[in-house]
């Protein structure tokens, strides 16, 4: 899985876990909702600054958005 796909999956998962819509996340991050949608679909790559901004809104470490899930972790979830 490419890093863009990993980021897209982790962003969607973190957003849903926080109970935020794409619109709410975009508003809190000061960006357009369509950009969140494109990130979650893997259409765009996020800059390192954007990774940090989204992680801050989601109250997680930026590295959590880039972390690949291992097979053993996937089975636990």
PDB file of N, CA and C in Angstrom:
ATOM      1  N   UNK A   1       0.855  -1.181   0.000  1.00  0.00           N
ATOM      2  CA  UNK A   1       0.000   0.000   0.000  1.00  0.00           C
ATOM      3  C   UNK A   1       0.900   1.242   0.000  1.00  0.00           C
ATOM      4  N   UNK A   2       0.610   2.167  -0.876  1.00  0.00           N
ATOM      5  CA  UNK A   2       1.386   3.403  -0.953  1.00  0.00           C
ATOM      6  C   UNK A   2       1.079   4.313   0.235  1.00  0.00           C
ATOM      7  N   UNK A   3       2.018   5.176   0.571  1.00  0.00           N
ATOM      8  CA  UNK A   3       1.863   6.051   1.737  1.00  0.00           C
ATOM      9  C   UNK A   3       0.636   6.953   1.603  1.00  0.00           C
ATOM     10  N   UNK A   4       0.305   7.345   0.376  1.00  0.00           N
ATOM     11  CA  UNK A   4      -0.884   8.180   0.173  1.00  0.00           C
ATOM     12  C   UNK A   4      -2.141   7.407   0.587  1.00  0.00           C
ATOM     13  N   UNK A   5      -2.185   6.127   0.271  1.00  0.00           N
ATOM     14  CA  UNK A   5      -3.333   5.294   0.658  1.00  0.00           C
ATOM     15  C   UNK A   5      -3.368   5.074   2.169  1.00  0.00           C
ATOM     16  N   UNK A   6      -2.209   4.903   2.764  1.00  0.00           N
ATOM     17  CA  UNK A   6      -2.116   4.746   4.215  1.00  0.00           C
ATOM     18  C   UNK A   6      -2.646   6.004   4.894  1.00  0.00           C
ATOM     19  N   UNK A   7      -2.186   7.164   4.433  1.00  0.00           N
ATOM     20  CA  UNK A   7      -2.646   8.434   4.994  1.00  0.00           C
ATOM     21  C   UNK A   7      -4.158   8.584   4.829  1.00  0.00           C
ATOM     22  N   UNK A   8      -4.669   8.279   3.649  1.00  0.00           N
ATOM     23  CA  UNK A   8      -6.108   8.414   3.372  1.00  0.00           C
ATOM     24  C   UNK A   8      -6.922   7.551   4.338  1.00  0.00           C
ATOM     25  N   UNK A   9      -6.511   6.307   4.499  1.00  0.00           N
ATOM     26  CA  UNK A   9      -7.230   5.392   5.400  1.00  0.00           C
ATOM     27  C   UNK A   9      -7.166   5.879   6.842  1.00  0.00           C
ATOM     28  N   UNK A  10      -5.975   6.282   7.281  1.00  0.00           N
ATOM     29  CA  UNK A  10      -5.812   6.731   8.663  1.00  0.00           C
ATOM     30  C   UNK A  10      -6.552   8.033   8.940  1.00  0.00           C
ATOM     31  N   UNK A  11      -6.571   8.932   7.967  1.00  0.00           N
ATOM     32  CA  UNK A  11      -7.301  10.194   8.135  1.00  0.00           C
ATOM     33  C   UNK A  11      -8.787   9.921   8.304  1.00  0.00           C
ATOM     34  N   UNK A  12      -9.345   9.100   7.440  1.00  0.00           N
ATOM     35  CA  UNK A  12     -10.774   8.770   7.513  1.00  0.00           C
ATOM     36  C   UNK A  12     -11.101   8.093   8.841  1.00  0.00           C
ATOM     37  N   UNK A  13     -10.262   7.145   9.239  1.00  0.00           N
ATOM     38  CA  UNK A  13     -10.483   6.420  10.490  1.00  0.00           C
ATOM     39  C   UNK A  13     -10.417   7.363  11.693  1.00  0.00           C
ATOM     40  N   UNK A  14      -9.434   8.240  11.738  1.00  0.00           N
ATOM     41  CA  UNK A  14      -9.287   9.182  12.847  1.00  0.00           C
ATOM     42  C   UNK A  14     -10.427  10.190  12.879  1.00  0.00           C
ATOM     43  N   UNK A  15     -10.844  10.652  11.710  1.00  0.00           N
ATOM     44  CA  UNK A  15     -11.955  11.605  11.636  1.00  0.00           C
ATOM     45  C   UNK A  15     -13.238  10.964  12.157  1.00  0.00           C
ATOM     46  N   UNK A  16     -13.503   9.736  11.707  1.00  0.00           N
ATOM     47  CA  UNK A  16     -14.708   9.036  12.156  1.00  0.00           C
ATOM     48  C   UNK A  16     -14.655   8.739  13.651  1.00  0.00           C
ATOM     49  N   UNK A  17     -13.483   8.355  14.159  1.00  0.00           N
ATOM     50  CA  UNK A  17     -13.334   8.067  15.585  1.00  0.00           C
ATOM     51  C   UNK A  17     -13.607   9.311  16.427  1.00  0.00           C
ATOM     52  N   UNK A  18     -13.281  10.457  15.887  1.00  0.00           N
ATOM     53  CA  UNK A  18     -13.507  11.731  16.583  1.00  0.00           C
ATOM     54  C   UNK A  18     -14.952  12.210  16.415  1.00  0.00           C
ATOM     55  N   UNK A  19     -15.705  11.539  15.525  1.00  0.00           N
ATOM     56  CA  UNK A  19     -17.104  11.904  15.303  1.00  0.00           C
ATOM     57  C   UNK A  19     -17.276  13.159  14.466  1.00  0.00           C
ATOM     58  N   UNK A  20     -16.293  13.445  13.622  1.00  0.00           N
ATOM     59  CA  UNK A  20     -16.342  14.650  12.796  1.00  0.00           C
ATOM     60  C   UNK A  20     -16.733  14.322  11.361  1.00  0.00           C
ATOM     61  N   UNK A  21     -17.518  15.187  10.769  1.00  0.00           N
ATOM     62  CA  UNK A  21     -17.787  15.096   9.339  1.00  0.00           C
ATOM     63  C   UNK A  21     -16.594  15.690   8.601  1.00  0.00           C
ATOM     64  N   UNK A  22     -16.529  15.449   7.307  1.00  0.00           N
ATOM     65  CA  UNK A  22     -15.478  16.088   6.516  1.00  0.00           C
ATOM     66  C   UNK A  22     -15.592  17.601   6.628  1.00  0.00           C
ATOM     67  N   UNK A  23     -16.809  18.087   6.616  1.00  0.00           N
ATOM     68  CA  UNK A  23     -17.034  19.528   6.703  1.00  0.00           C
ATOM     69  C   UNK A  23     -16.538  20.098   8.031  1.00  0.00           C
ATOM     70  N   UNK A  24     -16.829  19.396   9.123  1.00  0.00           N
ATOM     71  CA  UNK A  24     -16.406  19.870  10.446  1.00  0.00           C
ATOM     72  C   UNK A  24     -14.881  19.857  10.570  1.00  0.00           C
ATOM     73  N   UNK A  25     -14.249  18.800  10.085  1.00  0.00           N
ATOM     74  CA  UNK A  25     -12.786  18.727  10.120  1.00  0.00           C
ATOM     75  C   UNK A  25     -12.179  19.850   9.282  1.00  0.00           C
ATOM     76  N   UNK A  26     -12.731  20.053   8.105  1.00  0.00           N
ATOM     77  CA  UNK A  26     -12.230  21.113   7.221  1.00  0.00           C
ATOM     78  C   UNK A  26     -12.370  22.479   7.887  1.00  0.00           C
ATOM     79  N   UNK A  27     -13.503  22.730   8.503  1.00  0.00           N
ATOM     80  CA  UNK A  27     -13.736  24.009   9.175  1.00  0.00           C
ATOM     81  C   UNK A  27     -12.702  24.233  10.277  1.00  0.00           C
ATOM     82  N   UNK A  28     -12.499  23.213  11.120  1.00  0.00           N
ATOM     83  CA  UNK A  28     -11.555  23.327  12.230  1.00  0.00           C
ATOM     84  C   UNK A  28     -10.123  23.529  11.732  1.00  0.00           C
ATOM     85  N   UNK A  29      -9.801  22.932  10.584  1.00  0.00           N
ATOM     86  CA  UNK A  29      -8.450  23.037  10.031  1.00  0.00           C
ATOM     87  C   UNK A  29      -8.280  24.265   9.147  1.00  0.00           C
ATOM     88  N   UNK A  30      -9.378  24.951   8.856  1.00  0.00           N
ATOM     89  CA  UNK A  30      -9.306  26.148   8.024  1.00  0.00           C
ATOM     90  C   UNK A  30      -9.059  25.854   6.553  1.00  0.00           C
ATOM     91  N   UNK A  31      -9.602  24.728   6.084  1.00  0.00           N
ATOM     92  CA  UNK A  31      -9.451  24.357   4.679  1.00  0.00           C
ATOM     93  C   UNK A  31     -10.812  23.985   4.094  1.00  0.00           C
ATOM     94  N   UNK A  32     -10.840  23.721   2.814  1.00  0.00           N
ATOM     95  CA  UNK A  32     -12.082  23.392   2.123  1.00  0.00           C
ATOM     96  C   UNK A  32     -12.446  21.920   2.308  1.00  0.00           C
ATOM     97  N   UNK A  33     -13.727  21.633   2.434  1.00  0.00           N
ATOM     98  CA  UNK A  33     -14.192  20.261   2.610  1.00  0.00           C
ATOM     99  C   UNK A  33     -13.793  19.368   1.443  1.00  0.00           C
ATOM    100  N   UNK A  34     -13.793  19.917   0.243  1.00  0.00           N
ATOM    101  CA  UNK A  34     -13.446  19.101  -0.918  1.00  0.00           C
ATOM    102  C   UNK A  34     -11.984  18.630  -0.855  1.00  0.00           C
ATOM    103  N   UNK A  35     -11.136  19.400  -0.168  1.00  0.00           N
ATOM    104  CA  UNK A  35      -9.744  18.997   0.004  1.00  0.00           C
ATOM    105  C   UNK A  35      -9.662  17.781   0.926  1.00  0.00           C
ATOM    106  N   UNK A  36     -10.451  17.776   1.999  1.00  0.00           N
ATOM    107  CA  UNK A  36     -10.508  16.624   2.902  1.00  0.00           C
ATOM    108  C   UNK A  36     -10.972  15.402   2.123  1.00  0.00           C
ATOM    109  N   UNK A  37     -12.005  15.570   1.336  1.00  0.00           N
ATOM    110  CA  UNK A  37     -12.514  14.470   0.520  1.00  0.00           C
ATOM    111  C   UNK A  37     -11.439  13.925  -0.407  1.00  0.00           C
ATOM    112  N   UNK A  38     -10.717  14.802  -1.068  1.00  0.00           N
ATOM    113  CA  UNK A  38      -9.659  14.391  -1.988  1.00  0.00           C
ATOM    114  C   UNK A  38      -8.523  13.679  -1.245  1.00  0.00           C
ATOM    115  N   UNK A  39      -8.191  14.147  -0.050  1.00  0.00           N
ATOM    116  CA  UNK A  39      -7.160  13.484   0.745  1.00  0.00           C
ATOM    117  C   UNK A  39      -7.603  12.078   1.136  1.00  0.00           C
ATOM    118  N   UNK A  40      -8.853  11.950   1.549  1.00  0.00           N
ATOM    119  CA  UNK A  40      -9.365  10.651   1.982  1.00  0.00           C
ATOM    120  C   UNK A  40      -9.518   9.675   0.818  1.00  0.00           C
ATOM    121  N   UNK A  41      -9.640  10.174  -0.383  1.00  0.00           N
ATOM    122  CA  UNK A  41      -9.723   9.315  -1.568  1.00  0.00           C
ATOM    123  C   UNK A  41      -8.357   9.072  -2.185  1.00  0.00           C
ATOM    124  N   UNK A  42      -7.327   9.698  -1.646  1.00  0.00           N
ATOM    125  CA  UNK A  42      -5.985   9.527  -2.165  1.00  0.00           C
ATOM    126  C   UNK A  42      -5.722  10.274  -3.455  1.00  0.00           C
ATOM    127  N   UNK A  43      -6.552  11.264  -3.759  1.00  0.00           N
ATOM    128  CA  UNK A  43      -6.389  12.063  -4.977  1.00  0.00           C
ATOM    129  C   UNK A  43      -5.221  13.032  -4.821  1.00  0.00           C
ATOM    130  N   UNK A  44      -5.104  13.637  -3.643  1.00  0.00           N
ATOM    131  CA  UNK A  44      -4.031  14.581  -3.356  1.00  0.00           C
ATOM    132  C   UNK A  44      -3.111  14.020  -2.284  1.00  0.00           C
ATOM    133  N   UNK A  45      -1.886  14.484  -2.288  1.00  0.00           N
ATOM    134  CA  UNK A  45      -0.933  14.196  -1.215  1.00  0.00           C
ATOM    135  C   UNK A  45      -0.907  15.404  -0.280  1.00  0.00           C
ATOM    136  N   UNK A  46      -0.906  15.153   0.999  1.00  0.00           N
ATOM    137  CA  UNK A  46      -0.857  16.236   1.976  1.00  0.00           C
ATOM    138  C   UNK A  46       0.591  16.669   2.202  1.00  0.00           C
ATOM    139  N   UNK A  47       0.787  17.957   2.394  1.00  0.00           N
ATOM    140  CA  UNK A  47       2.107  18.447   2.783  1.00  0.00           C
ATOM    141  C   UNK A  47       2.342  18.082   4.241  1.00  0.00           C
ATOM    142  N   UNK A  48       3.572  18.139   4.660  1.00  0.00           N
ATOM    143  CA  UNK A  48       3.899  17.830   6.049  1.00  0.00           C
ATOM    144  C   UNK A  48       3.210  18.820   6.992  1.00  0.00           C
ATOM    145  N   UNK A  49       3.085  20.067   6.562  1.00  0.00           N
ATOM    146  CA  UNK A  49       2.378  21.065   7.371  1.00  0.00           C
ATOM    147  C   UNK A  49       0.899  20.704   7.512  1.00  0.00           C
ATOM    148  N   UNK A  50       0.301  20.216   6.436  1.00  0.00           N
ATOM    149  CA  UNK A  50      -1.112  19.832   6.479  1.00  0.00           C
ATOM    150  C   UNK A  50      -1.305  18.607   7.365  1.00  0.00           C
ATOM    151  N   UNK A  51      -0.381  17.667   7.315  1.00  0.00           N
ATOM    152  CA  UNK A  51      -0.452  16.500   8.200  1.00  0.00           C
ATOM    153  C   UNK A  51      -0.462  16.975   9.654  1.00  0.00           C
ATOM    154  N   UNK A  52       0.397  17.911   9.976  1.00  0.00           N
ATOM    155  CA  UNK A  52       0.452  18.459  11.326  1.00  0.00           C
ATOM    156  C   UNK A  52      -0.809  19.191  11.720  1.00  0.00           C
ATOM    157  N   UNK A  53      -1.346  19.969  10.808  1.00  0.00           N
ATOM    158  CA  UNK A  53      -2.574  20.722  11.086  1.00  0.00           C
ATOM    159  C   UNK A  53      -3.752  19.784  11.332  1.00  0.00           C
ATOM    160  N   UNK A  54      -3.909  18.775  10.483  1.00  0.00           N
ATOM    161  CA  UNK A  54      -5.012  17.827  10.642  1.00  0.00           C
ATOM    162  C   UNK A  54      -4.852  17.010  11.919  1.00  0.00           C
ATOM    163  N   UNK A  55      -3.632  16.596  12.220  1.00  0.00           N
ATOM    164  CA  UNK A  55      -3.384  15.836  13.444  1.00  0.00           C
ATOM    165  C   UNK A  55      -3.733  16.676  14.677  1.00  0.00           C
ATOM    166  N   UNK A  56      -3.401  17.954  14.648  1.00  0.00           N
ATOM    167  CA  UNK A  56      -3.718  18.831  15.785  1.00  0.00           C
ATOM    168  C   UNK A  56      -5.224  18.912  15.998  1.00  0.00           C
ATOM    169  N   UNK A  57      -5.970  19.068  14.915  1.00  0.00           N
ATOM    170  CA  UNK A  57      -7.433  19.136  15.027  1.00  0.00           C
ATOM    171  C   UNK A  57      -7.989  17.811  15.550  1.00  0.00           C
ATOM    172  N   UNK A  58      -7.409  16.708  15.080  1.00  0.00           N
ATOM    173  CA  UNK A  58      -7.875  15.382  15.486  1.00  0.00           C
ATOM    174  C   UNK A  58      -7.317  14.956  16.848  1.00  0.00           C
ATOM    175  N   UNK A  59      -6.424  15.783  17.408  1.00  0.00           N
ATOM    176  CA  UNK A  59      -5.809  15.525  18.713  1.00  0.00           C
ATOM    177  C   UNK A  59      -5.066  14.193  18.738  1.00  0.00           C
ATOM    178  N   UNK A  60      -4.271  13.966  17.685  1.00  0.00           N
ATOM    179  CA  UNK A  60      -3.426  12.783  17.597  1.00  0.00           C
ATOM    180  C   UNK A  60      -2.030  13.213  17.154  1.00  0.00           C
ATOM    181  N   UNK A  61      -1.079  12.333  17.285  1.00  0.00           N
ATOM    182  CA  UNK A  61       0.271  12.608  16.810  1.00  0.00           C
ATOM    183  C   UNK A  61       0.269  12.546  15.281  1.00  0.00           C
ATOM    184  N   UNK A  62       0.986  13.441  14.614  1.00  0.00           N
ATOM    185  CA  UNK A  62       1.055  13.400  13.156  1.00  0.00           C
ATOM    186  C   UNK A  62       1.491  12.038  12.618  1.00  0.00           C
ATOM    187  N   UNK A  63       2.374  11.372  13.332  1.00  0.00           N
ATOM    188  CA  UNK A  63       2.851  10.060  12.880  1.00  0.00           C
ATOM    189  C   UNK A  63       1.729   9.031  12.790  1.00  0.00           C
ATOM    190  N   UNK A  64       0.663   9.202  13.578  1.00  0.00           N
ATOM    191  CA  UNK A  64      -0.465   8.272  13.537  1.00  0.00           C
ATOM    192  C   UNK A  64      -1.155   8.293  12.179  1.00  0.00           C
ATOM    193  N   UNK A  65      -1.076   9.419  11.486  1.00  0.00           N
ATOM    194  CA  UNK A  65      -1.706   9.515  10.171  1.00  0.00           C
ATOM    195  C   UNK A  65      -0.875   8.837   9.079  1.00  0.00           C
ATOM    196  N   UNK A  66       0.375   8.533   9.384  1.00  0.00           N
ATOM    197  CA  UNK A  66       1.276   7.941   8.387  1.00  0.00           C
ATOM    198  C   UNK A  66       1.664   6.507   8.718  1.00  0.00           C
ATOM    199  N   UNK A  67       1.184   6.010   9.831  1.00  0.00           N
ATOM    200  CA  UNK A  67       1.582   4.692  10.308  1.00  0.00           C
ATOM    201  C   UNK A  67       0.887   3.577   9.527  1.00  0.00           C
ATOM    202  N   UNK A  68       1.712   2.674   9.012  1.00  0.00           N
ATOM    203  CA  UNK A  68       1.174   1.496   8.328  1.00  0.00           C
ATOM    204  C   UNK A  68       0.691   0.508   9.373  1.00  0.00           C
ATOM    205  N   UNK A  69      -0.434  -0.117   9.110  1.00  0.00           N
ATOM    206  CA  UNK A  69      -0.983  -1.095  10.029  1.00  0.00           C
ATOM    207  C   UNK A  69      -0.347  -2.450   9.728  1.00  0.00           C
ATOM    208  N   UNK A  70       0.193  -3.081  10.754  1.00  0.00           N
ATOM    209  CA  UNK A  70       0.778  -4.405  10.572  1.00  0.00           C
ATOM    210  C   UNK A  70      -0.319  -5.456  10.601  1.00  0.00           C
ATOM    211  N   UNK A  71      -0.019  -6.626  10.133  1.00  0.00           N
ATOM    212  CA  UNK A  71      -1.023  -7.704  10.108  1.00  0.00           C
ATOM    213  C   UNK A  71      -1.511  -8.031  11.505  1.00  0.00           C
ATOM    214  N   UNK A  72      -0.621  -8.096  12.480  1.00  0.00           N
ATOM    215  CA  UNK A  72      -1.034  -8.432  13.848  1.00  0.00           C
ATOM    216  C   UNK A  72      -1.925  -7.352  14.442  1.00  0.00           C
ATOM    217  N   UNK A  73      -1.626  -6.076  14.133  1.00  0.00           N
ATOM    218  CA  UNK A  73      -2.475  -4.973  14.607  1.00  0.00           C
ATOM    219  C   UNK A  73      -3.823  -5.011  13.915  1.00  0.00           C
ATOM    220  N   UNK A  74      -3.840  -5.375  12.636  1.00  0.00           N
ATOM    221  CA  UNK A  74      -5.077  -5.421  11.866  1.00  0.00           C
ATOM    222  C   UNK A  74      -6.020  -6.475  12.447  1.00  0.00           C
ATOM    223  N   UNK A  75      -5.474  -7.603  12.897  1.00  0.00           N
ATOM    224  CA  UNK A  75      -6.304  -8.660  13.457  1.00  0.00           C
ATOM    225  C   UNK A  75      -6.918  -8.247  14.785  1.00  0.00           C
ATOM    226  N   UNK A  76      -6.211  -7.438  15.569  1.00  0.00           N
ATOM    227  CA  UNK A  76      -6.701  -6.990  16.870  1.00  0.00           C
ATOM    228  C   UNK A  76      -7.854  -6.014  16.731  1.00  0.00           C
ATOM    229  N   UNK A  77      -7.861  -5.221  15.661  1.00  0.00           N
ATOM    230  CA  UNK A  77      -8.858  -4.162  15.490  1.00  0.00           C
ATOM    231  C   UNK A  77     -10.206  -4.664  15.097  1.00  0.00           C
TER     232      UNK A  77
END
